[in-house]
Protein backbone atom coordinates (compact mmCIF):
# COMPACT_ATOMS: atom_id res chain seq x y z
CA MET A 1 1.88 6.70 39.23
CA ILE A 2 0.38 3.74 37.42
CA SER A 3 2.99 1.01 36.76
CA LEU A 4 3.40 -0.46 33.19
CA GLU A 5 2.10 -3.97 34.68
CA ASP A 6 -1.13 -2.05 35.98
CA TRP A 7 -1.47 -0.38 32.66
CA ARG A 8 -1.29 -3.92 31.00
CA ALA A 9 -3.97 -5.39 33.10
CA HIS A 10 -6.13 -2.18 32.65
CA ARG A 11 -5.74 -2.55 28.94
CA SER A 12 -6.87 -5.97 28.82
CA ARG A 13 -10.12 -5.24 30.52
CA CYS A 14 -10.72 -2.21 28.24
CA ARG A 15 -10.20 -4.19 25.23
CA SER A 16 -12.90 -6.50 26.11
CA VAL A 17 -15.44 -3.68 26.96
CA VAL A 18 -14.60 -1.98 23.64
CA GLY A 19 -15.09 -4.96 21.40
CA ARG A 20 -18.52 -5.21 22.76
CA LEU A 21 -19.22 -1.70 22.30
CA LEU A 22 -18.04 -1.91 18.45
CA LEU A 23 -20.34 -4.83 17.87
CA ALA A 24 -23.39 -3.19 19.64
CA ALA A 25 -22.79 0.13 17.36
CA GLY A 26 -21.94 -1.56 14.03
CA LEU A 27 -19.53 -0.16 11.43
CA GLY A 28 -22.29 1.86 9.30
CA VAL A 29 -22.02 4.64 11.82
CA LEU A 30 -18.37 5.09 11.32
CA THR A 31 -18.86 6.81 7.95
CA ALA A 32 -20.76 9.58 9.37
CA LEU A 33 -18.32 10.63 12.14
CA PRO A 34 -16.11 13.74 11.54
CA ALA A 35 -12.54 13.25 10.55
CA SER A 36 -11.14 14.60 13.66
CA VAL A 37 -12.63 11.67 15.83
CA TRP A 38 -10.77 9.33 13.57
CA ALA A 39 -7.41 10.91 14.53
CA GLN A 40 -7.98 10.24 18.18
CA SER A 41 -6.84 6.71 18.68
CA ASP A 42 -5.14 6.57 22.07
CA SER A 43 -5.69 3.22 23.17
CA LEU A 44 -2.52 1.18 22.66
CA SER A 45 -2.40 -2.47 22.39
CA LEU A 46 0.80 -3.49 23.80
CA ARG A 47 2.06 -7.17 23.37
CA ALA A 48 1.95 -9.34 26.65
CA ASP A 49 5.52 -10.42 25.82
CA ALA A 50 6.88 -6.99 24.84
CA PRO A 51 10.57 -6.76 25.72
CA ALA A 52 11.80 -4.12 27.96
CA SER A 53 14.52 -3.30 25.28
CA TYR A 54 15.61 -4.30 21.74
CA THR A 55 18.65 -3.85 19.80
CA VAL A 56 18.02 -3.10 15.92
CA ARG A 57 19.89 -5.39 13.75
CA GLU A 58 20.85 -5.70 10.02
CA GLY A 59 17.66 -6.81 8.16
CA ASP A 60 15.12 -5.19 10.33
CA THR A 61 12.40 -3.36 9.21
CA LEU A 62 10.19 -0.55 10.96
CA TRP A 63 7.25 -2.92 11.00
CA GLY A 64 8.93 -5.83 12.19
CA ILE A 65 10.54 -3.87 15.34
CA ALA A 66 7.06 -2.35 15.87
CA ALA A 67 5.37 -5.71 15.96
CA ARG A 68 7.66 -6.96 18.76
CA PHE A 69 6.16 -4.34 20.97
CA LEU A 70 2.60 -3.86 19.71
CA ASP A 71 -0.33 -5.92 18.53
CA ALA A 72 -1.17 -3.27 15.84
CA PRO A 73 2.38 -2.23 14.34
CA TRP A 74 0.54 0.83 12.93
CA GLN A 75 0.45 2.48 16.35
CA TRP A 76 4.15 2.95 16.47
CA GLN A 77 3.79 6.77 16.41
CA GLN A 78 1.73 6.92 19.64
CA LEU A 79 3.95 4.66 21.48
CA TRP A 80 7.08 6.45 20.26
CA GLN A 81 8.72 9.06 22.82
CA ARG A 82 9.05 12.16 20.72
CA ASN A 83 11.84 14.61 21.10
CA PRO A 84 13.41 17.41 19.04
CA GLN A 85 16.02 15.10 17.56
CA LEU A 86 13.96 12.30 16.77
CA ALA A 87 10.62 13.42 15.32
CA SER A 88 9.86 9.96 14.07
CA PRO A 89 11.22 6.36 14.36
CA ARG A 90 11.94 6.44 10.56
CA LYS A 91 15.78 6.91 11.30
CA LEU A 92 16.81 3.75 13.16
CA TYR A 93 20.11 2.29 12.63
CA PRO A 94 21.60 -1.22 13.40
CA GLY A 95 22.81 -0.96 16.98
CA ASP A 96 20.23 1.48 18.33
CA VAL A 97 18.76 0.01 21.45
CA ILE A 98 14.97 0.91 21.89
CA ARG A 99 13.61 0.78 25.44
CA LEU A 100 10.05 0.37 26.63
CA GLY A 101 9.39 2.43 29.70
CA ALA A 102 6.46 4.48 31.15
CA ASP A 103 5.51 8.11 31.20
CA ALA A 104 2.71 9.42 33.38
CA GLY A 105 1.20 5.85 33.50
CA ALA A 106 1.20 5.35 29.69
CA PRO A 107 3.80 3.10 27.85
CA ARG A 108 6.62 5.00 25.74
CA LEU A 109 9.41 4.02 23.96
CA SER A 110 12.80 5.78 23.71
CA VAL A 111 16.19 5.12 21.85
CA GLU A 112 19.70 5.02 22.52
CA ARG A 113 22.07 5.20 19.62
CA GLY A 114 24.59 2.40 18.89
CA ARG A 115 27.05 1.30 21.71
CA GLY A 116 24.72 2.82 24.29
CA GLN A 117 25.15 6.47 23.45
CA PRO A 118 21.96 8.34 24.88
CA VAL A 119 20.39 10.62 22.35
CA ARG A 120 21.24 14.28 23.06
CA LEU A 121 18.40 16.50 23.58
CA SER A 122 20.09 19.87 23.51
CA PRO A 123 20.10 22.06 20.69
CA GLY A 124 22.37 20.83 17.73
CA VAL A 125 22.88 19.02 14.62
CA ARG A 126 23.00 15.25 15.11
CA ARG A 127 25.35 13.57 12.88
CA ALA A 128 23.67 10.50 11.34
CA PRO A 129 25.79 7.26 11.17
CA THR A 130 27.08 6.25 7.64
CA ARG A 131 24.97 2.94 7.89
CA ASP A 132 21.56 2.60 6.17
CA ALA A 133 18.63 3.50 8.22
CA VAL A 134 16.06 0.58 8.72
CA PRO A 135 13.33 0.46 6.11
CA GLY A 136 9.75 0.67 6.89
CA LEU A 137 9.08 -2.56 4.61
CA PRO A 138 11.29 -5.56 3.10
CA LEU A 139 12.41 -3.55 0.10
CA ASP A 140 13.41 -6.66 -1.82
CA ARG A 141 9.74 -7.63 -1.98
CA ILE A 142 8.58 -4.26 -3.51
CA LYS A 143 11.58 -3.01 -5.53
CA VAL A 144 10.20 -4.09 -8.91
CA PHE A 145 7.10 -2.30 -8.18
CA LEU A 146 9.18 1.04 -6.87
CA ASP A 147 11.26 0.77 -9.99
CA ALA A 148 9.39 -0.59 -12.92
CA TYR A 149 5.54 -0.25 -12.59
CA GLN A 150 3.28 2.96 -13.29
CA ILE A 151 -0.39 3.24 -13.17
CA VAL A 152 -1.82 5.67 -15.92
CA ASP A 153 -4.82 6.89 -17.75
CA PRO A 154 -5.24 4.32 -20.70
CA GLY A 155 -5.61 7.40 -23.06
CA VAL A 156 -1.78 7.92 -22.72
CA LEU A 157 -1.26 5.02 -25.14
CA ASP A 158 -3.37 6.55 -27.90
CA ASP A 159 -0.66 8.40 -29.70
CA ALA A 160 2.26 7.02 -28.13
CA PRO A 161 5.10 5.58 -30.31
CA THR A 162 5.62 2.10 -30.65
CA VAL A 163 8.32 -0.46 -31.43
CA VAL A 164 7.77 -1.76 -34.93
CA ALA A 165 11.31 -3.58 -35.72
CA GLY A 166 14.45 -4.81 -34.29
CA GLN A 167 18.07 -4.50 -35.47
CA SER A 168 18.33 -7.16 -38.58
CA GLN A 169 14.67 -7.78 -38.26
CA ARG A 170 15.08 -9.22 -34.88
CA LEU A 171 11.44 -9.89 -32.83
CA LEU A 172 13.46 -9.44 -29.56
CA SER A 173 15.94 -6.64 -28.42
CA GLY A 174 17.92 -6.27 -25.51
CA ALA A 175 20.65 -3.70 -24.12
CA GLY A 176 22.99 -2.38 -26.73
CA ASP A 177 20.73 -3.43 -29.66
CA ARG A 178 19.27 -0.76 -32.13
CA LEU A 179 15.53 -0.78 -32.93
CA TYR A 180 12.91 1.01 -34.82
CA ALA A 181 9.89 2.92 -33.64
CA HIS A 182 6.96 4.66 -35.47
CA GLY A 183 5.02 7.74 -34.21
CA ASP A 184 5.61 11.17 -32.77
CA LEU A 185 9.12 10.92 -31.10
CA PRO A 186 11.01 13.43 -29.28
CA ALA A 187 14.29 15.26 -30.73
CA VAL A 188 17.62 13.17 -31.12
CA GLY A 189 19.16 12.57 -27.70
CA ALA A 190 16.18 12.12 -25.73
CA THR A 191 15.65 9.11 -23.61
CA LEU A 192 12.29 7.07 -23.31
CA GLY A 193 11.24 4.34 -21.42
CA VAL A 194 9.88 1.10 -23.10
CA TYR A 195 6.64 0.06 -21.58
CA ARG A 196 4.43 -2.91 -21.69
CA PRO A 197 0.47 -2.62 -20.98
CA GLY A 198 -0.52 -4.86 -18.25
CA THR A 199 -4.04 -4.91 -16.31
CA ASP A 200 -6.58 -2.42 -17.10
CA TYR A 201 -8.12 -2.10 -13.60
CA ARG A 202 -12.01 -1.64 -14.22
CA THR A 203 -14.66 -1.17 -11.50
CA PRO A 204 -18.46 -0.73 -11.93
CA LEU A 205 -19.65 2.93 -12.14
CA PRO A 206 -21.12 4.41 -8.98
CA THR A 207 -24.79 4.38 -8.99
CA GLY A 208 -26.17 7.50 -10.76
CA GLN A 209 -23.19 7.97 -13.08
CA PRO A 210 -24.28 8.39 -16.94
CA ARG A 211 -24.24 5.08 -18.60
CA GLN A 212 -23.03 6.50 -22.26
CA ALA A 213 -21.69 3.96 -24.48
CA ALA A 214 -22.39 0.99 -22.12
CA GLN A 215 -26.10 1.41 -22.47
CA GLN A 216 -25.93 -0.28 -25.77
CA ALA A 217 -24.33 -3.44 -24.23
CA THR A 218 -27.06 -3.55 -21.66
CA ASP A 219 -30.01 -2.98 -24.17
CA GLN A 220 -28.45 -6.08 -26.25
CA THR A 221 -28.45 -8.44 -23.26
CA THR A 222 -31.02 -11.34 -23.01
CA PRO A 223 -34.01 -10.67 -20.57
CA GLY A 224 -33.13 -11.33 -16.95
CA GLN A 225 -29.50 -10.31 -17.66
CA GLU A 226 -27.97 -7.02 -16.63
CA THR A 227 -24.58 -5.56 -17.74
CA LEU A 228 -22.74 -3.14 -15.06
CA GLU A 229 -21.14 -0.41 -16.90
CA MET A 230 -17.25 -0.35 -15.90
CA THR A 231 -14.87 2.43 -15.75
CA SER A 232 -11.10 2.19 -15.53
CA ARG A 233 -9.39 3.15 -12.54
CA GLY A 234 -5.97 3.02 -14.20
CA LEU A 235 -3.85 0.87 -16.64
CA GLU A 236 -0.72 -0.94 -15.23
CA LEU A 237 2.28 -0.34 -17.31
CA GLN A 238 5.65 -2.25 -16.87
CA ARG A 239 8.82 -0.48 -17.79
CA LEU A 240 11.06 -2.95 -19.78
CA GLY A 241 14.15 -0.59 -20.21
CA HIS A 242 15.24 2.53 -21.80
CA VAL A 243 16.20 3.76 -25.14
CA LYS A 244 17.82 6.95 -26.81
CA VAL A 245 16.76 8.50 -29.90
CA ILE A 246 19.71 8.27 -32.54
CA ARG A 247 17.87 9.69 -35.49
CA ASN A 248 14.49 10.46 -36.61
CA VAL A 249 13.22 10.32 -40.24
CA ASP A 250 9.73 10.94 -41.44
CA GLY A 251 8.10 9.59 -38.36
CA VAL A 252 10.36 6.46 -38.29
CA GLY A 253 13.01 6.78 -35.47
CA GLU A 254 16.12 4.46 -34.91
CA LEU A 255 16.81 4.11 -31.22
CA GLN A 256 19.56 2.42 -29.17
CA VAL A 257 18.54 0.25 -26.07
CA LEU A 258 20.38 1.69 -23.20
CA ASP A 259 19.26 -0.91 -20.57
CA ALA A 260 16.54 -3.70 -20.48
CA VAL A 261 15.29 -5.84 -17.60
CA GLN A 262 13.15 -7.93 -20.28
CA GLU A 263 13.47 -8.45 -23.93
CA ILE A 264 11.76 -5.52 -25.92
CA ARG A 265 9.50 -6.65 -28.75
CA ASN A 266 7.29 -5.16 -31.56
CA GLY A 267 4.15 -3.60 -30.09
CA ASP A 268 5.94 -2.09 -26.86
CA TYR A 269 5.22 1.46 -26.23
CA LEU A 270 7.77 4.42 -25.81
CA LEU A 271 6.75 6.98 -23.31
CA ALA A 272 8.60 9.75 -21.27
CA LEU A 273 6.95 9.30 -17.80
CA ASP A 274 7.97 10.58 -14.49
CA GLU A 275 10.17 7.84 -12.74
CA GLY A 276 11.28 10.12 -9.80
CA GLY A 277 10.23 10.94 -6.28
CA ILE A 278 9.29 7.36 -5.27
CA ALA A 279 9.41 6.85 -1.55
CA THR A 280 11.43 4.24 -0.29
CA GLN A 281 10.93 5.00 3.60
CA PHE A 282 7.73 4.05 5.10
CA GLN A 283 6.21 4.98 8.44
CA PRO A 284 3.35 2.42 9.51
CA ARG A 285 0.12 4.36 10.36
CA ALA A 286 -3.54 3.96 10.21
CA PRO A 287 -5.56 6.62 7.76
CA GLU A 288 -7.18 9.56 9.59
CA THR A 289 -10.45 9.25 7.68
CA PRO A 290 -12.52 6.14 7.10
CA VAL A 291 -11.26 4.15 3.97
CA VAL A 292 -13.04 1.04 2.53
CA ALA A 293 -11.19 -0.54 -0.40
CA THR A 294 -11.23 -3.67 -2.39
CA ILE A 295 -8.25 -6.11 -3.31
CA LEU A 296 -8.43 -5.86 -7.33
CA SER A 297 -5.51 -8.15 -8.22
CA VAL A 298 -2.35 -9.74 -7.40
CA PRO A 299 0.19 -8.50 -9.95
CA ALA A 300 2.15 -11.72 -9.78
CA GLY A 301 -0.77 -13.75 -10.52
CA VAL A 302 -1.10 -16.15 -7.73
CA ARG A 303 -4.48 -17.21 -6.78
CA PHE A 304 -4.29 -17.02 -2.99
CA ILE A 305 -2.42 -14.23 -1.23
CA GLY A 306 -0.18 -14.57 1.77
CA ARG A 307 2.54 -12.64 3.56
CA TYR A 308 4.64 -10.30 1.38
CA ASP A 309 2.59 -10.59 -1.73
CA VAL A 310 1.98 -7.26 -3.43
CA VAL A 311 -1.73 -6.60 -4.35
CA ALA A 312 -3.39 -3.69 -6.39
CA ILE A 313 -6.47 -2.04 -4.35
CA ASP A 314 -8.96 0.26 -5.65
CA ARG A 315 -8.36 3.53 -3.88
CA GLY A 316 -5.74 6.07 -4.19
CA ARG A 317 -4.63 9.76 -3.78
CA ALA A 318 -8.14 10.85 -4.50
CA ASP A 319 -9.44 8.78 -1.60
CA GLY A 320 -7.02 10.23 0.97
CA LEU A 321 -4.44 7.07 0.82
CA GLU A 322 -0.84 7.73 1.34
CA THR A 323 2.40 5.86 1.53
CA GLY A 324 2.48 3.94 4.90
CA HIS A 325 -1.21 3.82 5.45
CA VAL A 326 -2.14 0.36 6.91
CA LEU A 327 -5.33 -1.34 6.12
CA GLN A 328 -7.22 -4.22 7.87
CA VAL A 329 -8.19 -7.26 5.74
CA MET A 330 -11.73 -8.59 6.19
CA ARG A 331 -12.88 -11.87 4.42
CA GLN A 332 -16.58 -11.72 3.47
CA GLY A 333 -18.62 -14.17 5.60
CA GLU A 334 -20.10 -17.37 3.73
CA ARG A 335 -23.69 -17.87 3.14
CA VAL A 336 -24.98 -20.87 4.98
CA ARG A 337 -28.38 -22.56 5.12
CA ASP A 338 -30.49 -22.42 8.27
CA ASP A 339 -32.67 -25.56 7.73
CA THR A 340 -34.57 -24.95 10.72
CA ARG A 341 -35.72 -21.65 9.52
CA ASP A 342 -35.70 -22.40 5.74
CA ALA A 343 -33.40 -19.35 5.15
CA TRP A 344 -29.94 -18.25 3.87
CA VAL A 345 -27.88 -16.66 6.66
CA THR A 346 -24.57 -14.46 5.88
CA LEU A 347 -21.89 -14.93 8.52
CA PRO A 348 -20.03 -12.05 9.93
CA ASP A 349 -17.04 -10.86 8.06
CA THR A 350 -13.75 -11.93 9.73
CA GLU A 351 -10.20 -10.18 10.16
CA ALA A 352 -7.78 -12.15 7.93
CA GLY A 353 -4.71 -9.85 7.76
CA ALA A 354 -3.23 -6.36 7.30
CA VAL A 355 -1.65 -4.71 4.20
CA MET A 356 0.65 -1.55 4.07
CA VAL A 357 0.43 1.02 1.09
CA PHE A 358 3.61 1.53 -0.58
CA ARG A 359 2.67 3.37 -3.87
CA VAL A 360 -0.02 5.53 -4.51
CA PHE A 361 -1.52 6.47 -7.82
CA ASP A 362 -4.66 8.89 -8.43
CA HIS A 363 -7.36 6.01 -8.30
CA LEU A 364 -5.29 2.82 -7.31
CA SER A 365 -2.50 1.76 -5.07
CA TYR A 366 -0.04 -0.92 -4.39
CA ALA A 367 -0.06 -2.64 -0.97
CA LEU A 368 2.11 -5.11 0.71
CA VAL A 369 0.77 -8.01 2.68
CA MET A 370 2.26 -7.63 6.07
CA ARG A 371 0.43 -10.44 7.94
CA ALA A 372 -2.26 -12.95 6.87
CA SER A 373 -3.82 -15.26 9.44
CA GLN A 374 -5.57 -17.13 6.18
CA PRO A 375 -5.10 -16.94 2.66
CA LEU A 376 -6.44 -13.82 1.15
CA ALA A 377 -8.18 -13.45 -2.03
CA VAL A 378 -9.14 -10.71 -4.99
CA GLY A 379 -12.37 -9.26 -3.84
CA ASP A 380 -11.52 -9.04 -0.05
CA ARG A 381 -12.58 -5.90 1.77
CA LEU A 382 -9.97 -3.53 3.28
CA VAL A 383 -10.97 -1.24 6.19
CA VAL A 384 -9.34 1.12 8.95
CA PRO A 385 -7.61 -0.88 11.43
CA ARG A 386 -9.82 -2.30 14.32
CA ASP A 387 -7.87 -0.22 17.01
CA LEU A 388 -8.97 3.03 15.09
CA ARG A 389 -12.74 1.76 14.98
CA GLU A 390 -12.72 0.78 18.54
CA THR A 391 -11.81 4.15 19.79
CA VAL A 392 -14.58 5.78 17.80
CA ALA A 393 -17.14 3.20 19.23
CA SER A 394 -15.79 3.56 22.60
CA GLY A 395 -16.22 7.43 22.47
CA GLY A 396 -19.87 7.52 22.75
CA ALA A 397 -20.06 9.94 19.70
CA PHE A 398 -22.99 8.17 17.97
């Protein structure tokens, strides 16, 4: 049987060989591989200083715990010792003890419940502690984006009612105030969210798409200029609060503000959007299919992006993204001058960090930066993590 120390030494040698294979193969071949190949990432990258055991503490996150054992925390599921009572590590509690061992020569994790109580594998119902389970992400960093942000088709605002006046002609309204809205309002007693539009996330149309109205703009450009036709991937809305319809007279409604996190003002929209079913438990893992995305913006408005900043990316549910998916950030290589050959050279892209997707819409997602080795920026590329690409490259399926 291979010891854990032997496995670590073997892993170090394999990683060097795999890295050379990846460089030789190139990333372009990855998109042609079948999806089943992408799901075969069995090469675990165990940290050299991984502890033999770790006791879960208050304030821990699943990502943070996984990062104690793995160079790539999204490989957590592969390392976890599965059993009928613990189908996944998503239900860890403070006081639980995680132990690192070996099984048939491969590293595995197992858990003991608080106070050293081993997990019973016999049939039966396990009573969960009354404590809160360890979250996958630091929820305080993303709470506002779970609670108050939506990405919608811009068309939903076309016929939406809007706030036209506050109580006693106030320009701003808060909780407990009355306000007035104009438009097609629901019946008395209905509750609506008050929303304010934010960024309209727009990207160039794929090659071959009809140009339609943008053709005029292109035709009007000066010679030598070219205008790309842009399409909206979604409009960001921030919910300011909730209102209740008190009465409705000839298309003008009187409403009471039930709650408000910001002042409501004239021009804000009233919408009945679905606000339920948002995930708060996240299991870090790599996508099973190749995904290439781009950082579109930072909703907080910062210029340089660092750890625990939220970013909006241009891929969503329609592209196969799910909550918990981890993507690696690649900084585009700089263009430098080769004076000897009188030519410009583009340096290779470099790994700059990793993000985890925590909320997914049809064509956009919000992700949290989990690590950053250098400041990230809008326009940086996001790809499937390196460990999965190395598995493909080392499999010989070219």
